[in-house]
Amino acid sequence: MLELWVPITASAALFQTWRTALQQKLRGVLSVNAAGFVRYLYALPTGLAMLWLYGTLSGHTLPAPPLIFFLWCAIGGLLQIFGTSLLIMAFGFRSFAVGTAYAKTEAVQGAIAAWIVLGEAISPLAAGGIGLGVVGVLVLSLAGRGLSRHELVAATFQPAALCGLGAGFIFAFTTIFIKTANFSIGGHDLIHQALLTLVVTNVLQTLMQGSWLAWREPNQFKRAFSTWRHSAWVGTLSACGSACWFSAFAMAPVALVRSVGQIEMVFTVLFSRFYLKERMKPGDYVGLALVMSGVVLVLIGR
């Protein structure tokens, strides 16, 4: 029987793919910080609505969270701000595909970090699936650019690759703090806890990045509100995606969730092929097969 966290993770990847595409368009009118800020600002109404609706329909109430909960949310939220900024910076470099590919090594970085910090162990088969998925992501993103050792080393030290690797590293630890915050509540409804964690984290992120933006880039702060017609969609999709991510992290080990989440690359390629009518290269099919095989191995070995 398919466990609930699997379709929730797939939904998170789909929402994230959609949100990233819209956020890239905003980079034409907003700075790195402003493009990140709108993600949190406009996610708040959707997050609050989901929290209220779930609580009403389920009839569950959550215990008052301890003070440490807010600390974990603040740290996790701040790390996500830094990671998002690095990822948006990668979008601005010419080697965007390389930066995206290395950001997806978060699956491996997250597995190592969760094992060290949270003691989450995974089976050898699942570990193999994670590695296979990362290789598939690299093939998808570097197809036609050369996969020799020289090419990979050269690509790694390009600005987009460094930003991507940094974003993946920071996102790996963001996940750990968010998961810790979730469990510190001490309730029994994991999804309800995840939604509360999402709302509190978004509030803190809006205050943190909004204050910085108003101080350092006042014109961009104003522009973040003037672009609300497009930014609101970014925030809505961000809230839906984060709600799914946070819920999945509460239900399963970080490494498994992030590995299944690599299906985001599949959505990206399919969107490119069938919506934008772009041609797929032979390497794209190989990469898709590797990513899907990695996901299957993770699900079998979980």
Protein backbone atom coordinates (compact mmCIF):
# COMPACT_ATOMS: atom_id res chain seq x y z
CA MET A 1 0.00 0.00 0.00
CA LEU A 2 1.32 3.43 -0.98
CA GLU A 3 2.07 5.47 2.12
CA LEU A 4 0.47 8.92 2.36
CA TRP A 5 3.78 10.82 2.38
CA VAL A 6 4.59 9.62 -1.16
CA PRO A 7 1.72 11.38 -3.03
CA ILE A 8 2.12 14.36 -0.69
CA THR A 9 5.80 14.61 -1.70
CA ALA A 10 4.93 14.30 -5.40
CA SER A 11 2.40 17.13 -4.97
CA ALA A 12 5.04 19.24 -3.23
CA ALA A 13 7.41 18.74 -6.18
CA LEU A 14 4.69 19.73 -8.65
CA PHE A 15 3.78 22.90 -6.74
CA GLN A 16 7.47 23.78 -6.42
CA THR A 17 8.08 23.36 -10.14
CA TRP A 18 5.15 25.64 -10.95
CA ARG A 19 6.16 28.23 -8.34
CA THR A 20 9.78 28.31 -9.52
CA ALA A 21 8.68 28.97 -13.11
CA LEU A 22 6.57 31.93 -12.00
CA GLN A 23 9.29 33.20 -9.67
CA GLN A 24 11.80 33.22 -12.52
CA LYS A 25 9.54 35.59 -14.47
CA LEU A 26 9.45 37.96 -11.50
CA ARG A 27 13.24 38.19 -11.57
CA GLY A 28 12.82 40.54 -14.53
CA VAL A 29 11.26 43.20 -12.29
CA LEU A 30 12.34 42.26 -8.76
CA SER A 31 15.72 41.90 -7.07
CA VAL A 32 16.91 38.64 -5.52
CA ASN A 33 15.69 39.68 -2.06
CA ALA A 34 12.36 41.01 -3.32
CA ALA A 35 11.67 37.87 -5.36
CA GLY A 36 12.29 35.83 -2.22
CA PHE A 37 10.22 38.16 -0.05
CA VAL A 38 7.04 37.86 -2.14
CA ARG A 39 7.23 34.09 -1.74
CA TYR A 40 6.70 34.41 2.02
CA LEU A 41 4.50 37.52 2.10
CA TYR A 42 1.86 36.18 -0.29
CA ALA A 43 2.03 32.67 1.15
CA LEU A 44 0.57 33.87 4.45
CA PRO A 45 -3.12 34.18 3.45
CA THR A 46 -3.11 30.71 1.86
CA GLY A 47 -1.28 29.20 4.82
CA LEU A 48 -3.69 30.70 7.33
CA ALA A 49 -6.66 29.53 5.27
CA MET A 50 -5.31 25.96 5.10
CA LEU A 51 -4.61 25.92 8.86
CA TRP A 52 -8.10 27.18 9.71
CA LEU A 53 -9.84 24.87 7.22
CA TYR A 54 -7.95 21.76 8.34
CA GLY A 55 -8.56 22.51 12.01
CA THR A 56 -12.28 23.10 11.35
CA LEU A 57 -12.79 19.95 9.28
CA SER A 58 -10.72 17.67 11.51
CA GLY A 59 -12.06 19.05 14.78
CA HIS A 60 -8.57 18.72 16.26
CA THR A 61 -6.88 21.25 18.50
CA LEU A 62 -3.16 21.63 18.94
CA PRO A 63 -1.36 22.05 22.27
CA ALA A 64 0.26 25.42 22.89
CA PRO A 65 3.72 25.17 21.30
CA PRO A 66 6.74 25.63 23.60
CA LEU A 67 9.04 28.64 23.19
CA ILE A 68 11.72 26.46 21.60
CA PHE A 69 9.29 25.82 18.73
CA PHE A 70 9.52 29.47 17.68
CA LEU A 71 13.33 29.34 17.83
CA TRP A 72 13.45 26.30 15.52
CA CYS A 73 10.99 28.00 13.14
CA ALA A 74 13.10 31.17 13.11
CA ILE A 75 16.34 29.31 12.38
CA GLY A 76 14.73 27.13 9.73
CA GLY A 77 13.01 30.13 8.17
CA LEU A 78 16.22 32.17 8.07
CA LEU A 79 18.12 29.32 6.45
CA GLN A 80 15.36 28.96 3.85
CA ILE A 81 15.69 32.68 3.05
CA PHE A 82 19.43 32.27 2.44
CA GLY A 83 18.91 29.10 0.40
CA THR A 84 16.17 30.68 -1.72
CA SER A 85 18.35 33.73 -2.40
CA LEU A 86 21.21 31.52 -3.55
CA LEU A 87 18.88 29.57 -5.82
CA ILE A 88 17.44 32.74 -7.34
CA MET A 89 21.00 34.01 -7.88
CA ALA A 90 21.73 30.79 -9.77
CA PHE A 91 18.83 31.59 -12.09
CA GLY A 92 20.60 34.82 -13.08
CA PHE A 93 23.79 33.11 -14.28
CA ARG A 94 24.22 31.75 -17.76
CA SER A 95 24.76 28.18 -16.52
CA PHE A 96 21.30 27.97 -14.93
CA ALA A 97 20.94 24.24 -15.70
CA VAL A 98 24.20 23.44 -13.91
CA GLY A 99 23.12 25.39 -10.83
CA THR A 100 19.77 23.60 -10.76
CA ALA A 101 21.46 20.22 -11.08
CA TYR A 102 23.79 20.77 -8.16
CA ALA A 103 20.98 22.19 -6.00
CA LYS A 104 19.29 18.81 -6.38
CA THR A 105 22.22 17.16 -4.58
CA GLU A 106 20.24 18.28 -1.53
CA ALA A 107 18.88 14.71 -1.44
CA VAL A 108 22.34 13.36 -0.61
CA GLN A 109 23.34 16.30 1.59
CA GLY A 110 20.04 16.00 3.46
CA ALA A 111 20.52 12.27 3.99
CA ILE A 112 23.95 12.83 5.53
CA ALA A 113 22.78 15.76 7.67
CA ALA A 114 19.69 13.88 8.93
CA TRP A 115 21.81 10.85 9.77
CA ILE A 116 24.27 12.98 11.79
CA VAL A 117 21.77 15.31 13.50
CA LEU A 118 18.54 13.29 13.74
CA GLY A 119 19.98 9.76 13.65
CA GLU A 120 17.78 8.86 10.67
CA ALA A 121 19.18 5.72 9.08
CA ILE A 122 18.15 4.40 5.67
CA SER A 123 18.58 1.02 4.03
CA PRO A 124 21.42 0.36 1.55
CA LEU A 125 18.82 -0.07 -1.22
CA ALA A 126 17.27 3.32 -0.46
CA ALA A 127 20.74 4.90 -0.31
CA GLY A 128 21.45 3.45 -3.75
CA GLY A 129 18.19 4.90 -5.01
CA ILE A 130 19.13 8.35 -3.70
CA GLY A 131 22.48 8.19 -5.49
CA LEU A 132 20.87 6.96 -8.70
CA GLY A 133 18.36 9.79 -8.58
CA VAL A 134 21.11 12.40 -8.19
CA VAL A 135 22.94 10.94 -11.20
CA GLY A 136 19.69 11.14 -13.16
CA VAL A 137 19.25 14.80 -12.20
CA LEU A 138 22.79 15.56 -13.35
CA VAL A 139 22.19 13.79 -16.67
CA LEU A 140 18.97 15.75 -17.20
CA SER A 141 20.58 19.09 -16.43
CA LEU A 142 23.94 18.54 -18.09
CA ALA A 143 22.74 16.66 -21.17
CA GLY A 144 24.59 17.92 -24.22
CA ARG A 145 27.12 19.81 -22.10
CA GLY A 146 29.57 17.00 -21.54
CA LEU A 147 29.79 14.57 -18.62
CA SER A 148 33.55 14.00 -18.55
CA ARG A 149 35.42 14.54 -15.30
CA HIS A 150 36.94 17.72 -16.70
CA GLU A 151 33.52 19.09 -17.69
CA LEU A 152 31.98 18.27 -14.33
CA VAL A 153 34.86 19.81 -12.37
CA ALA A 154 34.76 22.94 -14.53
CA ALA A 155 30.98 23.18 -14.15
CA THR A 156 31.21 22.78 -10.37
CA PHE A 157 33.29 25.95 -10.02
CA GLN A 158 31.02 28.10 -12.15
CA PRO A 159 29.03 30.69 -10.13
CA ALA A 160 25.67 29.01 -10.81
CA ALA A 161 27.02 25.66 -9.65
CA LEU A 162 28.47 27.14 -6.46
CA CYS A 163 25.16 28.87 -5.74
CA GLY A 164 23.30 25.63 -6.44
CA LEU A 165 25.53 23.56 -4.17
CA GLY A 166 25.23 26.19 -1.44
CA ALA A 167 21.45 26.27 -1.78
CA GLY A 168 21.27 22.47 -1.57
CA PHE A 169 23.46 22.47 1.57
CA ILE A 170 21.39 25.16 3.29
CA PHE A 171 18.06 23.55 2.31
CA ALA A 172 19.28 20.27 3.81
CA PHE A 173 19.67 21.90 7.23
CA THR A 174 16.48 23.95 6.78
CA THR A 175 14.60 20.67 6.59
CA ILE A 176 16.12 19.44 9.84
CA PHE A 177 15.14 22.56 11.80
CA ILE A 178 11.63 22.55 10.34
CA LYS A 179 11.19 18.88 11.26
CA THR A 180 12.49 19.57 14.78
CA ALA A 181 10.05 22.46 15.16
CA ASN A 182 7.20 20.25 13.99
CA PHE A 183 7.87 17.54 16.55
CA SER A 184 8.48 20.01 19.39
CA ILE A 185 4.74 20.83 19.38
CA GLY A 186 4.00 17.40 20.81
CA GLY A 187 0.62 16.84 19.18
CA HIS A 188 -0.76 13.72 17.47
CA ASP A 189 -1.94 15.15 14.14
CA LEU A 190 1.19 15.52 12.00
CA ILE A 191 -0.49 17.44 9.18
CA HIS A 192 -2.08 19.92 11.60
CA GLN A 193 1.32 20.45 13.24
CA ALA A 194 2.95 20.93 9.84
CA LEU A 195 0.44 23.62 8.88
CA LEU A 196 1.03 25.49 12.14
CA THR A 197 4.79 25.26 11.59
CA LEU A 198 4.31 26.61 8.06
CA VAL A 199 2.27 29.63 9.18
CA VAL A 200 4.59 30.58 12.04
CA THR A 201 7.67 30.16 9.83
CA ASN A 202 6.11 32.29 7.07
CA VAL A 203 5.23 35.05 9.55
CA LEU A 204 8.82 35.13 10.85
CA GLN A 205 10.26 35.01 7.31
CA THR A 206 8.02 37.88 6.19
CA LEU A 207 9.18 39.97 9.16
CA MET A 208 12.86 39.08 8.75
CA GLN A 209 13.24 39.52 5.00
CA GLY A 210 10.67 42.31 4.83
CA SER A 211 12.58 44.36 7.42
CA TRP A 212 15.85 43.83 5.56
CA LEU A 213 14.27 44.74 2.22
CA ALA A 214 12.60 47.90 3.59
CA TRP A 215 15.94 49.00 5.05
CA ARG A 216 18.31 48.10 2.22
CA GLU A 217 16.09 48.18 -0.87
CA PRO A 218 13.08 50.44 -0.14
CA ASN A 219 12.17 50.75 -3.84
CA GLN A 220 12.10 46.97 -4.21
CA PHE A 221 10.02 46.71 -1.03
CA LYS A 222 7.37 48.94 -2.65
CA ARG A 223 7.61 47.02 -5.92
CA ALA A 224 6.91 43.74 -4.10
CA PHE A 225 3.43 45.10 -3.37
CA SER A 226 2.85 46.65 -6.80
CA THR A 227 3.44 43.26 -8.47
CA TRP A 228 0.79 41.56 -6.34
CA ARG A 229 -1.14 40.17 -9.31
CA HIS A 230 1.76 37.90 -10.24
CA SER A 231 3.39 37.64 -6.81
CA ALA A 232 0.20 36.36 -5.20
CA TRP A 233 0.35 33.24 -7.37
CA VAL A 234 3.97 32.66 -6.34
CA GLY A 235 2.97 32.89 -2.69
CA THR A 236 -0.06 30.64 -3.08
CA LEU A 237 1.92 27.91 -4.82
CA SER A 238 4.71 28.31 -2.28
CA ALA A 239 2.28 27.82 0.61
CA CYS A 240 0.75 24.72 -1.00
CA GLY A 241 4.18 23.27 -1.75
CA SER A 242 5.57 24.02 1.72
CA ALA A 243 2.48 22.54 3.39
CA CYS A 244 3.11 19.31 1.47
CA TRP A 245 6.86 19.32 2.19
CA PHE A 246 6.38 19.99 5.91
CA SER A 247 3.74 17.25 6.17
CA ALA A 248 5.91 14.72 4.34
CA PHE A 249 8.94 15.52 6.52
CA ALA A 250 6.80 14.83 9.60
CA MET A 251 5.77 11.42 8.23
CA ALA A 252 8.99 10.02 6.78
CA PRO A 253 12.80 10.36 6.98
CA VAL A 254 14.22 13.48 5.34
CA ALA A 255 16.38 11.53 2.90
CA LEU A 256 13.46 9.52 1.52
CA VAL A 257 11.22 12.57 1.11
CA ARG A 258 13.92 14.57 -0.67
CA SER A 259 14.77 11.63 -2.91
CA VAL A 260 11.16 11.09 -4.01
CA GLY A 261 10.99 14.87 -4.41
CA GLN A 262 13.55 14.61 -7.22
CA ILE A 263 10.55 13.78 -9.40
CA GLU A 264 10.38 17.58 -9.70
CA MET A 265 12.96 17.26 -12.51
CA VAL A 266 10.59 14.90 -14.32
CA PHE A 267 7.79 17.47 -14.07
CA THR A 268 10.15 20.15 -15.37
CA VAL A 269 11.17 18.11 -18.42
CA LEU A 270 7.60 17.02 -19.19
CA PHE A 271 6.38 20.61 -18.87
CA SER A 272 9.10 21.67 -21.30
CA ARG A 273 8.20 18.95 -23.80
CA PHE A 274 4.41 18.98 -23.83
CA TYR A 275 3.56 22.56 -22.83
CA LEU A 276 6.42 24.52 -24.37
CA LYS A 277 6.75 22.02 -27.25
CA GLU A 278 10.51 21.79 -26.83
CA ARG A 279 12.28 18.75 -28.24
CA MET A 280 13.75 16.19 -25.87
CA LYS A 281 17.30 14.96 -26.35
CA PRO A 282 18.30 11.28 -25.97
CA GLY A 283 20.01 12.21 -22.71
CA ASP A 284 16.71 13.52 -21.37
CA TYR A 285 15.14 10.07 -21.66
CA VAL A 286 18.15 8.50 -19.93
CA GLY A 287 17.95 11.05 -17.12
CA LEU A 288 14.20 10.51 -16.68
CA ALA A 289 14.71 6.75 -16.49
CA LEU A 290 17.46 7.15 -13.87
CA VAL A 291 15.40 9.52 -11.71
CA MET A 292 12.34 7.29 -11.82
CA SER A 293 14.46 4.18 -11.13
CA GLY A 294 15.98 5.94 -8.13
CA VAL A 295 12.53 6.82 -6.78
CA VAL A 296 11.39 3.20 -7.21
CA LEU A 297 14.46 1.90 -5.35
CA VAL A 298 13.82 4.34 -2.50
CA LEU A 299 10.19 3.23 -2.23
CA ILE A 300 11.17 -0.45 -2.27
CA GLY A 301 13.98 -0.02 0.23
CA ARG A 302 12.28 2.43 2.62
